[in-house]
N, C-alpha and C. Protein backbone atom coordinates (compact mmCIF):
# COMPACT_ATOMS: atom_id res chain seq x y z
N MET A 1 -41.43 121.72 -179.88
CA MET A 1 -42.67 121.85 -180.23
C MET A 1 -43.38 120.76 -179.36
N HIS A 2 -42.47 119.76 -179.29
CA HIS A 2 -43.16 118.65 -178.55
C HIS A 2 -43.53 118.82 -177.25
N ARG A 3 -42.60 119.62 -176.53
CA ARG A 3 -43.01 120.20 -174.98
C ARG A 3 -44.08 121.08 -175.09
N LYS A 4 -44.09 121.88 -175.92
CA LYS A 4 -45.38 122.86 -175.86
C LYS A 4 -46.59 121.94 -176.03
N PHE A 5 -46.89 121.07 -176.88
CA PHE A 5 -47.77 120.26 -176.81
C PHE A 5 -48.11 119.34 -175.51
N GLU A 6 -47.16 119.04 -175.00
CA GLU A 6 -47.20 118.27 -173.76
C GLU A 6 -47.70 119.42 -172.49
N LYS A 7 -47.41 120.54 -172.58
CA LYS A 7 -47.77 121.61 -171.79
C LYS A 7 -49.11 121.73 -171.94
N LEU A 8 -49.68 121.76 -173.35
CA LEU A 8 -51.28 122.34 -173.72
C LEU A 8 -51.82 121.00 -173.26
N PHE A 9 -51.26 119.76 -173.46
CA PHE A 9 -52.26 118.53 -173.28
C PHE A 9 -52.26 118.47 -171.43
N HIS A 10 -51.40 119.05 -170.82
CA HIS A 10 -51.35 118.72 -169.43
C HIS A 10 -52.28 119.72 -168.87
N GLN A 11 -52.34 120.99 -169.39
CA GLN A 11 -53.24 122.30 -169.26
C GLN A 11 -54.62 121.68 -169.29
N TYR A 12 -55.03 121.04 -170.39
CA TYR A 12 -56.44 120.42 -170.52
C TYR A 12 -56.70 119.47 -169.65
N LYS A 13 -55.84 118.54 -169.21
CA LYS A 13 -56.23 117.46 -168.42
C LYS A 13 -56.50 118.22 -166.87
N LEU A 14 -55.74 119.26 -166.64
CA LEU A 14 -55.98 120.09 -165.48
C LEU A 14 -57.17 120.86 -165.46
N ASP A 15 -57.72 121.27 -166.54
CA ASP A 15 -58.91 121.96 -166.69
C ASP A 15 -60.12 121.22 -166.62
N VAL A 16 -60.11 119.83 -167.15
CA VAL A 16 -61.08 118.89 -167.01
C VAL A 16 -61.05 118.24 -165.46
N PHE A 17 -59.89 118.27 -164.85
CA PHE A 17 -60.05 117.85 -163.51
C PHE A 17 -60.62 118.85 -162.50
N HIS A 18 -60.11 120.16 -162.86
CA HIS A 18 -60.89 121.26 -162.02
C HIS A 18 -62.34 121.18 -162.12
N LEU A 19 -62.68 121.05 -163.21
CA LEU A 19 -64.09 121.26 -163.78
C LEU A 19 -64.83 120.15 -163.01
N GLU A 20 -64.31 118.81 -162.95
CA GLU A 20 -65.16 117.87 -162.43
C GLU A 20 -64.95 117.99 -160.83
N HIS A 21 -64.04 118.69 -160.24
CA HIS A 21 -63.84 118.39 -158.71
C HIS A 21 -63.84 119.64 -158.01
N HIS A 22 -63.81 120.83 -158.69
CA HIS A 22 -63.57 121.99 -158.12
C HIS A 22 -65.22 122.36 -157.54
N LYS A 23 -65.03 122.75 -156.35
CA LYS A 23 -66.32 122.91 -155.68
C LYS A 23 -67.34 123.96 -156.37
N LYS A 24 -66.74 124.98 -156.74
CA LYS A 24 -67.72 126.37 -157.17
C LYS A 24 -68.33 125.53 -158.75
N ASP A 25 -67.31 124.81 -159.42
CA ASP A 25 -67.96 124.29 -160.73
C ASP A 25 -68.91 123.18 -160.35
N VAL A 26 -68.59 122.30 -159.55
CA VAL A 26 -69.54 121.15 -159.11
C VAL A 26 -70.90 121.86 -158.89
N GLN A 27 -70.88 122.81 -158.04
CA GLN A 27 -72.28 123.65 -157.60
C GLN A 27 -73.00 123.98 -158.97
N GLU A 28 -72.07 124.76 -159.69
CA GLU A 28 -72.84 125.60 -161.09
C GLU A 28 -73.36 124.07 -161.89
N ILE A 29 -72.51 123.05 -162.12
CA ILE A 29 -72.90 121.92 -163.07
C ILE A 29 -74.37 121.53 -162.11
N THR A 30 -74.45 121.33 -160.89
CA THR A 30 -75.42 120.92 -160.25
C THR A 30 -76.93 121.65 -160.48
N LYS A 31 -76.60 122.98 -160.32
CA LYS A 31 -77.32 123.86 -160.77
C LYS A 31 -78.13 124.01 -161.99
N GLU A 32 -77.15 123.74 -163.08
CA GLU A 32 -77.49 123.43 -164.30
C GLU A 32 -78.64 122.26 -164.64
N CYS A 33 -78.08 121.03 -163.75
CA CYS A 33 -78.88 119.76 -163.82
C CYS A 33 -80.11 120.05 -163.35
N MET A 34 -80.29 120.42 -162.23
CA MET A 34 -81.37 120.73 -161.53
C MET A 34 -82.61 121.49 -162.47
N ASN A 35 -81.88 122.59 -163.19
CA ASN A 35 -82.98 123.24 -164.06
C ASN A 35 -83.31 122.57 -165.04
N ILE A 36 -82.39 121.84 -165.76
CA ILE A 36 -82.76 120.73 -166.96
C ILE A 36 -83.82 119.74 -166.35
N CYS A 37 -83.63 119.20 -165.38
CA CYS A 37 -84.30 118.33 -164.64
C CYS A 37 -85.84 118.82 -164.50
N GLU A 38 -85.89 119.95 -163.74
CA GLU A 38 -87.28 120.59 -163.63
C GLU A 38 -87.98 120.62 -164.89
N GLU A 39 -87.13 121.30 -165.88
CA GLU A 39 -87.72 121.30 -167.15
C GLU A 39 -88.26 120.15 -167.96
N VAL A 40 -87.59 119.17 -167.89
CA VAL A 40 -87.85 117.83 -168.34
C VAL A 40 -89.21 117.22 -167.62
N LEU A 41 -89.01 117.17 -166.41
CA LEU A 41 -90.08 116.57 -165.57
C LEU A 41 -91.30 117.66 -165.30
N SER A 42 -91.11 118.71 -165.88
CA SER A 42 -92.42 119.63 -165.76
C SER A 42 -93.44 119.17 -167.14
N GLN A 43 -92.71 118.77 -168.21
CA GLN A 43 -93.57 118.49 -169.21
C GLN A 43 -94.44 116.99 -169.00
N LYS A 44 -95.62 117.35 -169.55
CA LYS A 44 -96.68 116.22 -169.23
C LYS A 44 -96.67 115.29 -170.71
N TYR A 45 -96.75 114.06 -170.42
CA TYR A 45 -96.78 113.16 -171.33
C TYR A 45 -98.16 112.14 -170.76
N SER A 46 -98.69 111.72 -172.11
CA SER A 46 -99.78 110.98 -171.52
C SER A 46 -100.10 109.76 -172.62
N TYR A 47 -100.55 108.66 -172.07
CA TYR A 47 -100.85 107.48 -172.79
C TYR A 47 -102.00 107.63 -173.28
N HIS A 48 -102.42 107.16 -174.63
CA HIS A 48 -103.79 106.84 -174.97
C HIS A 48 -103.85 105.49 -175.19
N PHE A 49 -105.02 105.25 -174.62
CA PHE A 49 -105.42 103.63 -174.91
C PHE A 49 -105.97 103.48 -176.26
N HIS A 50 -105.76 102.50 -176.87
CA HIS A 50 -106.51 102.01 -178.14
C HIS A 50 -107.65 101.59 -177.95
N LYS A 51 -107.94 100.73 -177.11
CA LYS A 51 -109.17 100.13 -176.64
C LYS A 51 -109.42 100.72 -175.16
N LEU A 52 -110.49 100.84 -174.65
CA LEU A 52 -110.89 101.39 -173.40
C LEU A 52 -110.71 100.20 -172.62
N PRO A 53 -109.74 100.04 -171.53
CA PRO A 53 -109.47 98.88 -170.89
C PRO A 53 -110.65 98.92 -169.55
N ASP A 54 -110.74 97.94 -168.76
CA ASP A 54 -111.45 98.20 -167.55
C ASP A 54 -110.92 99.02 -166.34
N ALA A 55 -111.51 99.19 -165.46
CA ALA A 55 -111.26 100.21 -164.55
C ALA A 55 -110.17 99.67 -163.33
N ASP A 56 -110.01 98.40 -163.34
CA ASP A 56 -108.93 97.77 -162.39
C ASP A 56 -107.47 98.21 -163.48
N ARG A 57 -107.53 97.91 -164.44
CA ARG A 57 -106.29 98.06 -165.19
C ARG A 57 -105.80 99.46 -165.32
N VAL A 58 -106.88 100.36 -165.48
CA VAL A 58 -106.58 101.62 -165.59
C VAL A 58 -106.07 102.26 -164.26
N GLU A 59 -106.46 101.73 -163.20
CA GLU A 59 -106.06 101.98 -161.94
C GLU A 59 -104.49 101.45 -161.77
N ILE A 60 -104.27 100.33 -162.09
CA ILE A 60 -103.05 99.70 -161.89
C ILE A 60 -101.88 100.65 -162.91
N ILE A 61 -102.33 101.01 -164.10
CA ILE A 61 -101.59 101.67 -164.95
C ILE A 61 -101.26 103.20 -164.60
N ASN A 62 -102.20 103.78 -164.00
CA ASN A 62 -102.17 104.95 -163.53
C ASN A 62 -101.14 104.88 -162.30
N MET A 63 -101.39 103.90 -161.32
CA MET A 63 -100.15 103.59 -160.33
C MET A 63 -98.64 103.52 -160.67
N ILE A 64 -98.72 102.86 -161.63
CA ILE A 64 -97.14 102.67 -162.31
C ILE A 64 -96.83 103.85 -162.95
N ASN A 65 -97.58 104.52 -163.61
CA ASN A 65 -97.31 105.74 -164.14
C ASN A 65 -96.71 107.02 -163.18
N ASN A 66 -97.33 107.13 -162.03
CA ASN A 66 -97.41 107.98 -160.89
C ASN A 66 -95.87 107.51 -160.38
N TYR A 67 -95.84 106.27 -160.11
CA TYR A 67 -94.63 105.84 -159.32
C TYR A 67 -93.41 105.94 -160.28
N THR A 68 -93.55 105.68 -161.48
CA THR A 68 -92.44 106.05 -162.61
C THR A 68 -91.98 107.46 -162.58
N ARG A 69 -93.18 108.27 -162.69
CA ARG A 69 -92.68 109.57 -162.77
C ARG A 69 -92.21 110.46 -161.61
N GLU A 70 -92.59 109.95 -160.27
CA GLU A 70 -92.34 110.35 -159.08
C GLU A 70 -90.98 109.93 -158.51
N ALA A 71 -90.68 108.59 -158.63
CA ALA A 71 -89.87 107.81 -157.81
C ALA A 71 -88.65 107.42 -158.75
N ILE A 72 -88.82 107.08 -160.06
CA ILE A 72 -87.86 106.34 -160.84
C ILE A 72 -87.24 107.49 -162.15
N LEU A 73 -87.92 108.41 -162.47
CA LEU A 73 -87.68 108.91 -163.54
C LEU A 73 -86.69 110.23 -163.24
N PRO A 74 -87.04 111.10 -161.77
CA PRO A 74 -86.13 112.02 -161.57
C PRO A 74 -84.61 111.92 -161.55
N PRO A 75 -84.20 110.71 -160.48
CA PRO A 75 -82.77 110.13 -160.61
C PRO A 75 -82.12 110.07 -161.71
N VAL A 76 -82.95 109.34 -162.77
CA VAL A 76 -82.30 109.00 -164.15
C VAL A 76 -82.08 110.32 -164.77
N VAL A 77 -83.09 111.17 -164.93
CA VAL A 77 -83.07 112.48 -165.58
C VAL A 77 -81.79 113.31 -165.16
N GLU A 78 -81.80 113.46 -163.76
CA GLU A 78 -80.55 114.16 -163.06
C GLU A 78 -79.19 113.54 -163.65
N LYS A 79 -79.11 112.09 -163.50
CA LYS A 79 -77.83 111.61 -163.88
C LYS A 79 -77.60 112.10 -165.34
N LEU A 80 -78.77 111.89 -166.19
CA LEU A 80 -78.17 111.91 -167.71
C LEU A 80 -77.93 113.52 -167.79
N ALA A 81 -78.66 114.37 -167.36
CA ALA A 81 -78.36 115.85 -167.38
C ALA A 81 -77.05 116.06 -166.99
N GLU A 82 -76.59 115.68 -165.82
CA GLU A 82 -75.25 115.86 -165.37
C GLU A 82 -74.08 115.34 -166.29
N LYS A 83 -74.50 114.06 -166.92
CA LYS A 83 -73.46 113.47 -167.97
C LYS A 83 -73.42 114.32 -169.11
N ILE A 84 -74.53 114.89 -169.47
CA ILE A 84 -74.46 115.81 -170.76
C ILE A 84 -73.76 117.14 -170.43
N ILE A 85 -74.23 117.52 -169.39
CA ILE A 85 -73.31 119.04 -169.16
C ILE A 85 -71.82 118.61 -169.06
N LEU A 86 -71.52 117.66 -168.23
CA LEU A 86 -69.83 117.41 -168.16
C LEU A 86 -69.28 117.27 -169.54
N GLN A 87 -70.29 116.45 -170.44
CA GLN A 87 -69.44 116.33 -171.71
C GLN A 87 -69.50 117.51 -172.70
N GLU A 88 -70.27 118.43 -172.53
CA GLU A 88 -70.36 119.90 -173.24
C GLU A 88 -69.32 120.60 -172.56
N LYS A 89 -68.87 120.65 -171.46
CA LYS A 89 -67.89 121.30 -170.81
C LYS A 89 -66.42 120.62 -171.20
N ARG A 90 -66.49 119.53 -171.16
CA ARG A 90 -65.22 118.84 -171.87
C ARG A 90 -65.03 118.98 -173.18
N LEU A 91 -66.23 119.00 -174.15
CA LEU A 91 -65.90 119.29 -175.50
C LEU A 91 -65.31 120.65 -175.53
N ALA A 92 -65.83 121.88 -174.74
CA ALA A 92 -65.56 123.10 -174.94
C ALA A 92 -64.02 123.39 -174.45
N ALA A 93 -63.55 122.47 -173.58
CA ALA A 93 -62.16 122.51 -173.16
C ALA A 93 -61.40 121.80 -174.23
N LEU A 94 -61.80 120.68 -175.02
CA LEU A 94 -61.19 120.25 -175.97
C LEU A 94 -60.94 121.03 -177.10
N GLN A 95 -62.09 121.85 -177.37
CA GLN A 95 -62.05 122.76 -178.65
C GLN A 95 -60.96 124.11 -178.13
N ASP A 96 -60.89 124.24 -176.84
CA ASP A 96 -59.82 125.39 -176.32
C ASP A 96 -58.44 124.82 -176.73
N LEU A 97 -58.23 123.46 -176.41
CA LEU A 97 -56.97 122.54 -176.74
C LEU A 97 -56.75 122.84 -178.02
N ILE A 98 -57.34 122.29 -178.92
CA ILE A 98 -57.36 122.19 -180.29
C ILE A 98 -56.93 123.74 -180.73
N ALA A 99 -57.73 124.82 -180.49
CA ALA A 99 -57.31 126.13 -180.89
C ALA A 99 -55.94 126.40 -180.48
N ARG A 100 -55.47 126.23 -179.13
CA ARG A 100 -53.99 126.63 -178.93
C ARG A 100 -53.09 125.69 -179.61
N MET A 101 -53.55 124.45 -179.88
CA MET A 101 -52.44 123.77 -180.59
C MET A 101 -52.44 124.24 -181.91
N LEU A 102 -53.37 124.55 -182.75
CA LEU A 102 -53.47 125.22 -184.12
C LEU A 102 -52.66 126.85 -183.81
N GLU A 103 -52.78 127.44 -182.78
CA GLU A 103 -51.85 128.71 -182.85
C GLU A 103 -50.47 128.06 -182.77
N VAL A 104 -50.23 127.41 -181.88
CA VAL A 104 -48.73 126.84 -181.56
C VAL A 104 -48.27 126.46 -183.18
N LEU A 105 -48.83 125.48 -183.97
CA LEU A 105 -48.57 125.16 -185.22
C LEU A 105 -48.43 126.33 -186.19
N SER A 106 -49.16 127.32 -186.01
CA SER A 106 -49.23 128.40 -187.09
C SER A 106 -48.20 129.37 -186.73
N ASP A 107 -47.93 129.39 -185.50
CA ASP A 107 -46.66 130.44 -185.25
C ASP A 107 -45.43 130.52 -186.05
N PRO A 108 -44.97 131.11 -186.57
CA PRO A 108 -43.90 131.20 -187.57
C PRO A 108 -42.52 131.14 -186.61
N LYS A 109 -42.62 131.28 -185.40
CA LYS A 109 -41.33 131.48 -184.61
C LYS A 109 -41.16 130.05 -184.14
N SER A 110 -42.00 129.19 -183.99
CA SER A 110 -41.88 127.94 -183.54
C SER A 110 -41.62 126.89 -184.60
N THR A 111 -40.30 126.44 -184.51
CA THR A 111 -39.72 125.72 -185.51
C THR A 111 -39.37 124.47 -184.73
N VAL A 112 -39.22 123.34 -185.80
CA VAL A 112 -38.85 122.17 -185.07
C VAL A 112 -37.36 122.10 -185.18
N GLU A 113 -36.69 122.11 -183.86
CA GLU A 113 -35.07 122.08 -183.64
C GLU A 113 -34.48 120.82 -184.02
N ASN A 114 -35.07 119.68 -183.51
CA ASN A 114 -34.54 118.46 -183.98
C ASN A 114 -35.63 117.62 -184.78
N PRO A 115 -35.79 117.51 -186.07
CA PRO A 115 -36.81 116.63 -186.83
C PRO A 115 -36.44 115.39 -186.43
N VAL A 116 -37.42 114.57 -186.14
CA VAL A 116 -37.23 112.87 -186.18
C VAL A 116 -37.05 112.59 -187.68
N THR A 117 -36.25 111.70 -187.70
CA THR A 117 -36.13 111.01 -189.25
C THR A 117 -35.90 109.55 -189.23
């Protein structure tokens, strides 16, 4: 049984490695990331002033807002989306591993030949 678990765990590690390094999977993940990023960045958020600021301050705040939205936010959102998608795929692979391990444990034919005492 120990060998079966070793094989299952090795297969899980291979699946995760292929997921992260296989060209087709990487392109698929990149496409998903870009779709999520476009969706997030298309949402418009606005800041409401509690007091009316003077015109100079409004211009500075708008410059900061535009710079943040166009230069800083897109790469950050892309990286976050990539991490989330990879974690979701790893979790799916882990769930598959656990299901296969439970199948091995519930199989009446698999018995422990040399139990550890």
